[in-house]
Each structure stands twice: as structure tokens, then as C-alpha cells.
Amino acid sequence: MVTTLLLALGVSVCAVIAAVLFIMTMEGRSQGKSPKGGRLDRDVEPLALLFRNNKLVDGTAPARALLDLLPGEGEWQRLMAWVSMRLPEAGMPLPISKRTGGSRSGAIPARGTGACGF
């Protein structure tokens, strides 16, 4: 009887150790420690630009750095040249809304299955 009890205790301890090791392995993969590197880098700041009447009002540092590298006379022209190389429909003018005081509204028509036309 004592042997059975010790055997059951030993199996239980081994099961707990295996479960803890499994959980630690899965947590490491979910935190981006996977050797495949299939997750996006969360340290990368997104590109975001805010325009009003074709004038740059605000933007993230990476977005401003991108605009500085592009050729052109103004920020809007540089942005539209860069976007039109990636989305051919972007060259079409967007409708001007009379309700918003002349600011541009509308969306670039998407092509394909993705939200951005990819």
C-alpha cells in the first residue's frame, strides 16, 4: 500500500513538472521568443499622418521621416506619389465634402480581399 501511494505521488509530481514546463514553453512562444519570428514586432511605431486642406498637421516620427525621404514639392504631393506607386486607385481625386469646410472625405476604392486592397 505504501508503494502504491509513493508511486501515485511520484507520478503526480512528474505530471505537475511536465505541465509547468509546457506552460513556460507556450508563454515563451506567445511573447515572440519563437525561432520562426512569425509575430509582428510590437516596438515598431506605425505610420500615421494627419492632413487638413492638403497641409500636414501632424504625424508620427517614422511617417515624417518617410515624407522627408520622398521627392516632391509638398508633403501631400510626396505622400500621394508614394501611395500611388502601391495603390493605383490612389491617383484618383477624392471628393471634397461641403459639410466639412472643404476637407477631403471618402475612401480609396479597395481591390482584392484585404481592407487595403492587398
N, C-alpha and C. Protein backbone atom coordinates (compact mmCIF):
# COMPACT_ATOMS: atom_id res chain seq x y z
N MET A 1 0.82 -1.19 0.00
CA MET A 1 0.00 0.00 0.00
C MET A 1 0.87 1.26 0.00
N VAL A 2 1.94 1.26 0.78
CA VAL A 2 2.85 2.41 0.81
C VAL A 2 3.50 2.58 -0.56
N THR A 3 3.81 1.49 -1.21
CA THR A 3 4.44 1.55 -2.54
C THR A 3 3.50 2.20 -3.54
N THR A 4 2.24 1.85 -3.47
CA THR A 4 1.25 2.43 -4.39
C THR A 4 1.10 3.92 -4.13
N LEU A 5 1.09 4.30 -2.88
CA LEU A 5 0.97 5.71 -2.52
C LEU A 5 2.19 6.49 -3.01
N LEU A 6 3.39 5.97 -2.83
CA LEU A 6 4.60 6.65 -3.30
C LEU A 6 4.64 6.72 -4.82
N LEU A 7 4.17 5.67 -5.48
CA LEU A 7 4.12 5.68 -6.95
C LEU A 7 3.14 6.74 -7.45
N ALA A 8 1.99 6.84 -6.82
CA ALA A 8 0.99 7.84 -7.21
C ALA A 8 1.52 9.25 -6.96
N LEU A 9 2.21 9.44 -5.84
CA LEU A 9 2.80 10.75 -5.54
C LEU A 9 3.87 11.11 -6.56
N GLY A 10 4.71 10.15 -6.91
CA GLY A 10 5.76 10.40 -7.90
C GLY A 10 5.19 10.74 -9.27
N VAL A 11 4.16 10.03 -9.69
CA VAL A 11 3.51 10.31 -10.98
C VAL A 11 2.87 11.69 -10.95
N SER A 12 2.25 12.05 -9.86
CA SER A 12 1.62 13.38 -9.74
C SER A 12 2.65 14.49 -9.82
N VAL A 13 3.78 14.33 -9.13
CA VAL A 13 4.83 15.35 -9.18
C VAL A 13 5.38 15.48 -10.59
N CYS A 14 5.61 14.36 -11.27
CA CYS A 14 6.09 14.41 -12.66
C CYS A 14 5.08 15.09 -13.58
N ALA A 15 3.79 14.84 -13.37
CA ALA A 15 2.75 15.47 -14.20
C ALA A 15 2.73 16.98 -13.98
N VAL A 16 2.89 17.43 -12.75
CA VAL A 16 2.91 18.86 -12.45
C VAL A 16 4.13 19.52 -13.09
N ILE A 17 5.28 18.88 -12.98
CA ILE A 17 6.51 19.42 -13.59
C ILE A 17 6.36 19.51 -15.10
N ALA A 18 5.80 18.48 -15.72
CA ALA A 18 5.58 18.50 -17.18
C ALA A 18 4.62 19.61 -17.57
N ALA A 19 3.56 19.81 -16.79
CA ALA A 19 2.59 20.86 -17.09
C ALA A 19 3.22 22.24 -16.97
N VAL A 20 4.03 22.45 -15.94
CA VAL A 20 4.69 23.75 -15.76
C VAL A 20 5.66 24.02 -16.91
N LEU A 21 6.43 23.01 -17.31
CA LEU A 21 7.35 23.18 -18.43
C LEU A 21 6.61 23.48 -19.73
N PHE A 22 5.49 22.81 -19.94
CA PHE A 22 4.68 23.05 -21.14
C PHE A 22 4.14 24.48 -21.15
N ILE A 23 3.63 24.95 -20.03
CA ILE A 23 3.10 26.31 -19.94
C ILE A 23 4.21 27.33 -20.16
N MET A 24 5.39 27.11 -19.59
CA MET A 24 6.50 28.04 -19.78
C MET A 24 6.92 28.08 -21.25
N THR A 25 6.91 26.95 -21.92
CA THR A 25 7.26 26.90 -23.33
C THR A 25 6.24 27.66 -24.17
N MET A 26 4.96 27.48 -23.88
CA MET A 26 3.92 28.16 -24.64
C MET A 26 3.94 29.67 -24.39
N GLU A 27 4.22 30.09 -23.17
CA GLU A 27 4.31 31.52 -22.88
C GLU A 27 5.47 32.15 -23.61
N GLY A 28 6.59 31.46 -23.70
CA GLY A 28 7.75 31.97 -24.42
C GLY A 28 7.43 32.18 -25.89
N ARG A 29 6.68 31.27 -26.49
CA ARG A 29 6.30 31.42 -27.90
C ARG A 29 5.31 32.55 -28.09
N SER A 30 4.40 32.74 -27.16
CA SER A 30 3.41 33.80 -27.32
C SER A 30 4.01 35.18 -27.09
N GLN A 31 5.18 35.25 -26.46
CA GLN A 31 5.83 36.54 -26.24
C GLN A 31 6.84 36.86 -27.32
N GLY A 32 6.82 36.13 -28.42
CA GLY A 32 7.69 36.45 -29.54
C GLY A 32 9.06 35.80 -29.45
N LYS A 33 9.29 34.84 -28.58
CA LYS A 33 10.58 34.18 -28.47
C LYS A 33 10.67 32.98 -29.40
N SER A 34 9.69 32.88 -30.28
CA SER A 34 9.66 31.77 -31.23
C SER A 34 10.81 31.91 -32.23
N PRO A 35 11.51 30.84 -32.54
CA PRO A 35 12.61 30.94 -33.50
C PRO A 35 12.14 31.30 -34.91
N LYS A 36 10.88 31.05 -35.22
CA LYS A 36 10.37 31.37 -36.55
C LYS A 36 10.14 32.87 -36.72
N GLY A 37 9.90 33.58 -35.66
CA GLY A 37 9.68 35.03 -35.74
C GLY A 37 8.40 35.37 -36.48
N GLY A 38 7.34 34.60 -36.30
CA GLY A 38 6.11 34.80 -37.03
C GLY A 38 5.26 35.95 -36.51
N ARG A 39 5.61 36.55 -35.41
CA ARG A 39 4.80 37.63 -34.84
C ARG A 39 5.34 38.99 -35.29
N LEU A 40 4.46 39.96 -35.30
CA LEU A 40 4.87 41.31 -35.64
C LEU A 40 5.67 41.92 -34.50
N ASP A 41 6.57 42.81 -34.83
CA ASP A 41 7.37 43.49 -33.83
C ASP A 41 6.53 44.59 -33.20
N ARG A 42 6.30 44.50 -31.92
CA ARG A 42 5.46 45.48 -31.25
C ARG A 42 6.20 46.78 -30.95
N ASP A 43 7.51 46.81 -31.18
CA ASP A 43 8.28 48.02 -30.93
C ASP A 43 8.24 48.98 -32.11
N VAL A 44 7.70 48.55 -33.23
CA VAL A 44 7.66 49.39 -34.42
C VAL A 44 6.49 50.37 -34.31
N GLU A 45 6.79 51.65 -34.46
CA GLU A 45 5.76 52.67 -34.39
C GLU A 45 5.05 52.77 -35.73
N PRO A 46 3.73 52.89 -35.74
CA PRO A 46 3.00 52.93 -37.01
C PRO A 46 3.20 54.25 -37.75
N LEU A 47 2.97 54.22 -39.05
CA LEU A 47 3.00 55.43 -39.86
C LEU A 47 1.61 56.05 -39.82
N ALA A 48 1.53 57.27 -39.34
CA ALA A 48 0.25 57.98 -39.27
C ALA A 48 0.48 59.45 -39.61
N LEU A 49 -0.33 59.95 -40.55
CA LEU A 49 -0.23 61.35 -40.96
C LEU A 49 -1.61 61.98 -40.90
N LEU A 50 -1.68 63.22 -40.47
CA LEU A 50 -2.94 63.96 -40.41
C LEU A 50 -2.81 65.19 -41.30
N PHE A 51 -3.67 65.26 -42.32
CA PHE A 51 -3.66 66.38 -43.25
C PHE A 51 -4.94 67.16 -43.11
N ARG A 52 -4.86 68.46 -43.35
CA ARG A 52 -6.03 69.33 -43.45
C ARG A 52 -5.78 70.27 -44.61
N ASN A 53 -6.67 70.22 -45.59
CA ASN A 53 -6.54 71.03 -46.81
C ASN A 53 -5.17 70.84 -47.46
N ASN A 54 -4.78 69.59 -47.59
CA ASN A 54 -3.51 69.19 -48.21
C ASN A 54 -2.28 69.70 -47.49
N LYS A 55 -2.41 70.13 -46.25
CA LYS A 55 -1.28 70.58 -45.43
C LYS A 55 -1.10 69.59 -44.29
N LEU A 56 0.14 69.21 -44.06
CA LEU A 56 0.43 68.28 -42.97
C LEU A 56 0.23 68.97 -41.63
N VAL A 57 -0.65 68.43 -40.81
CA VAL A 57 -0.94 68.98 -39.50
C VAL A 57 -0.12 68.25 -38.43
N ASP A 58 -0.09 66.91 -38.54
CA ASP A 58 0.61 66.13 -37.53
C ASP A 58 0.97 64.78 -38.13
N GLY A 59 1.95 64.13 -37.53
CA GLY A 59 2.34 62.80 -37.99
C GLY A 59 3.32 62.17 -37.02
N THR A 60 3.38 60.86 -37.05
CA THR A 60 4.33 60.16 -36.20
C THR A 60 5.74 60.39 -36.75
N ALA A 61 6.72 60.17 -35.92
CA ALA A 61 8.12 60.39 -36.33
C ALA A 61 8.51 59.53 -37.54
N PRO A 62 8.16 58.23 -37.59
CA PRO A 62 8.51 57.46 -38.78
C PRO A 62 7.82 57.95 -40.05
N ALA A 63 6.58 58.42 -39.92
CA ALA A 63 5.86 58.93 -41.08
C ALA A 63 6.51 60.22 -41.60
N ARG A 64 6.90 61.09 -40.69
CA ARG A 64 7.58 62.33 -41.12
C ARG A 64 8.94 62.02 -41.75
N ALA A 65 9.63 61.02 -41.20
CA ALA A 65 10.92 60.63 -41.79
C ALA A 65 10.73 60.08 -43.19
N LEU A 66 9.66 59.32 -43.42
CA LEU A 66 9.36 58.81 -44.75
C LEU A 66 9.09 59.95 -45.71
N LEU A 67 8.29 60.92 -45.29
CA LEU A 67 7.99 62.07 -46.15
C LEU A 67 9.25 62.85 -46.49
N ASP A 68 10.16 62.96 -45.55
CA ASP A 68 11.41 63.69 -45.79
C ASP A 68 12.27 63.01 -46.85
N LEU A 69 12.15 61.69 -46.99
CA LEU A 69 12.95 60.95 -47.96
C LEU A 69 12.35 60.98 -49.37
N LEU A 70 11.07 61.28 -49.47
CA LEU A 70 10.40 61.24 -50.77
C LEU A 70 10.64 62.52 -51.56
N PRO A 71 10.76 62.40 -52.90
CA PRO A 71 10.91 63.59 -53.73
C PRO A 71 9.57 64.29 -53.94
N GLY A 72 9.59 65.58 -54.13
CA GLY A 72 8.38 66.35 -54.39
C GLY A 72 8.44 67.70 -53.72
N GLU A 73 7.45 68.55 -54.05
CA GLU A 73 7.44 69.92 -53.53
C GLU A 73 6.74 70.04 -52.18
N GLY A 74 5.62 69.38 -52.01
CA GLY A 74 4.88 69.48 -50.75
C GLY A 74 4.64 68.11 -50.16
N GLU A 75 4.23 68.11 -48.88
CA GLU A 75 4.01 66.84 -48.21
C GLU A 75 2.91 66.02 -48.88
N TRP A 76 1.81 66.69 -49.28
CA TRP A 76 0.70 65.97 -49.90
C TRP A 76 1.13 65.34 -51.23
N GLN A 77 1.87 66.07 -52.04
CA GLN A 77 2.32 65.54 -53.32
C GLN A 77 3.28 64.36 -53.10
N ARG A 78 4.16 64.47 -52.12
CA ARG A 78 5.08 63.37 -51.84
C ARG A 78 4.33 62.14 -51.35
N LEU A 79 3.36 62.35 -50.48
CA LEU A 79 2.58 61.23 -49.98
C LEU A 79 1.78 60.56 -51.10
N MET A 80 1.12 61.36 -51.93
CA MET A 80 0.30 60.79 -53.00
C MET A 80 1.17 60.07 -54.03
N ALA A 81 2.37 60.55 -54.30
CA ALA A 81 3.27 59.85 -55.21
C ALA A 81 3.67 58.50 -54.63
N TRP A 82 3.96 58.46 -53.34
CA TRP A 82 4.35 57.21 -52.69
C TRP A 82 3.18 56.23 -52.65
N VAL A 83 1.99 56.71 -52.31
CA VAL A 83 0.82 55.84 -52.22
C VAL A 83 0.41 55.35 -53.60
N SER A 84 0.46 56.20 -54.61
CA SER A 84 0.02 55.80 -55.95
C SER A 84 0.92 54.73 -56.56
N MET A 85 2.16 54.63 -56.10
CA MET A 85 3.03 53.55 -56.57
C MET A 85 2.55 52.21 -56.01
N ARG A 86 1.90 52.23 -54.86
CA ARG A 86 1.46 51.00 -54.22
C ARG A 86 -0.01 50.69 -54.48
N LEU A 87 -0.81 51.72 -54.63
CA LEU A 87 -2.25 51.57 -54.90
C LEU A 87 -2.60 52.42 -56.12
N PRO A 88 -2.76 51.80 -57.28
CA PRO A 88 -3.02 52.59 -58.49
C PRO A 88 -4.28 53.46 -58.39
N GLU A 89 -5.28 53.02 -57.63
CA GLU A 89 -6.51 53.81 -57.50
C GLU A 89 -6.31 55.09 -56.70
N ALA A 90 -5.20 55.23 -56.01
CA ALA A 90 -4.96 56.40 -55.16
C ALA A 90 -4.75 57.66 -55.98
N GLY A 91 -4.44 57.52 -57.26
CA GLY A 91 -4.25 58.70 -58.10
C GLY A 91 -5.54 59.42 -58.40
N MET A 92 -6.68 58.76 -58.17
CA MET A 92 -7.98 59.38 -58.42
C MET A 92 -8.26 60.40 -57.32
N PRO A 93 -8.77 61.57 -57.67
CA PRO A 93 -9.06 62.58 -56.63
C PRO A 93 -10.23 62.13 -55.75
N LEU A 94 -10.12 62.44 -54.49
CA LEU A 94 -11.19 62.14 -53.55
C LEU A 94 -12.21 63.28 -53.57
N PRO A 95 -13.48 62.99 -53.36
CA PRO A 95 -14.49 64.05 -53.38
C PRO A 95 -14.29 65.01 -52.20
N ILE A 96 -14.59 66.29 -52.44
CA ILE A 96 -14.49 67.31 -51.39
C ILE A 96 -15.86 67.48 -50.76
N SER A 97 -15.93 67.35 -49.47
CA SER A 97 -17.18 67.46 -48.74
C SER A 97 -17.46 68.92 -48.44
N LYS A 98 -18.67 69.36 -48.73
CA LYS A 98 -19.04 70.75 -48.43
C LYS A 98 -19.36 70.93 -46.96
N ARG A 99 -19.77 69.83 -46.28
CA ARG A 99 -20.11 69.92 -44.85
C ARG A 99 -18.89 70.14 -43.98
N THR A 100 -17.73 69.64 -44.39
CA THR A 100 -16.55 69.72 -43.53
C THR A 100 -15.67 70.92 -43.88
N GLY A 101 -16.18 71.85 -44.62
CA GLY A 101 -15.41 73.04 -44.91
C GLY A 101 -14.30 72.81 -45.92
N GLY A 102 -14.50 71.89 -46.85
CA GLY A 102 -13.52 71.70 -47.90
C GLY A 102 -12.49 70.63 -47.62
N SER A 103 -12.59 69.95 -46.50
CA SER A 103 -11.63 68.88 -46.26
C SER A 103 -12.00 67.66 -47.08
N ARG A 104 -11.04 66.84 -47.36
CA ARG A 104 -11.28 65.68 -48.21
C ARG A 104 -11.95 64.58 -47.40
N SER A 105 -12.88 63.91 -48.04
CA SER A 105 -13.53 62.77 -47.40
C SER A 105 -13.68 61.67 -48.43
N GLY A 106 -14.00 60.51 -47.97
CA GLY A 106 -14.16 59.39 -48.88
C GLY A 106 -13.04 58.40 -48.68
N ALA A 107 -13.07 57.37 -49.48
CA ALA A 107 -12.07 56.33 -49.34
C ALA A 107 -11.56 55.91 -50.71
N ILE A 108 -10.37 55.44 -50.73
CA ILE A 108 -9.80 54.90 -51.95
C ILE A 108 -10.45 53.55 -52.18
N PRO A 109 -10.99 53.29 -53.38
CA PRO A 109 -11.65 52.01 -53.60
C PRO A 109 -10.67 50.86 -53.43
N ALA A 110 -11.08 49.87 -52.64
CA ALA A 110 -10.21 48.73 -52.38
C ALA A 110 -10.34 47.70 -53.49
N ARG A 111 -9.25 47.00 -53.74
CA ARG A 111 -9.23 45.95 -54.74
C ARG A 111 -8.71 44.69 -54.06
N GLY A 112 -9.26 43.56 -54.33
CA GLY A 112 -8.81 42.32 -53.71
C GLY A 112 -9.63 41.98 -52.50
N THR A 113 -9.06 41.15 -51.64
CA THR A 113 -9.82 40.69 -50.48
C THR A 113 -9.51 41.46 -49.21
N GLY A 114 -8.37 42.12 -49.13
CA GLY A 114 -7.98 42.83 -47.92
C GLY A 114 -8.64 44.18 -47.82
N ALA A 115 -8.68 44.74 -46.63
CA ALA A 115 -9.29 46.04 -46.41
C ALA A 115 -8.56 47.15 -47.13
N CYS A 116 -7.26 46.98 -47.36
CA CYS A 116 -6.47 48.00 -48.03
C CYS A 116 -6.23 47.65 -49.50
N GLY A 117 -6.91 46.67 -50.00
CA GLY A 117 -6.77 46.31 -51.41
C GLY A 117 -5.64 45.36 -51.70
N PHE A 118 -5.09 44.72 -50.70
CA PHE A 118 -3.98 43.79 -50.93
C PHE A 118 -4.50 42.38 -51.09
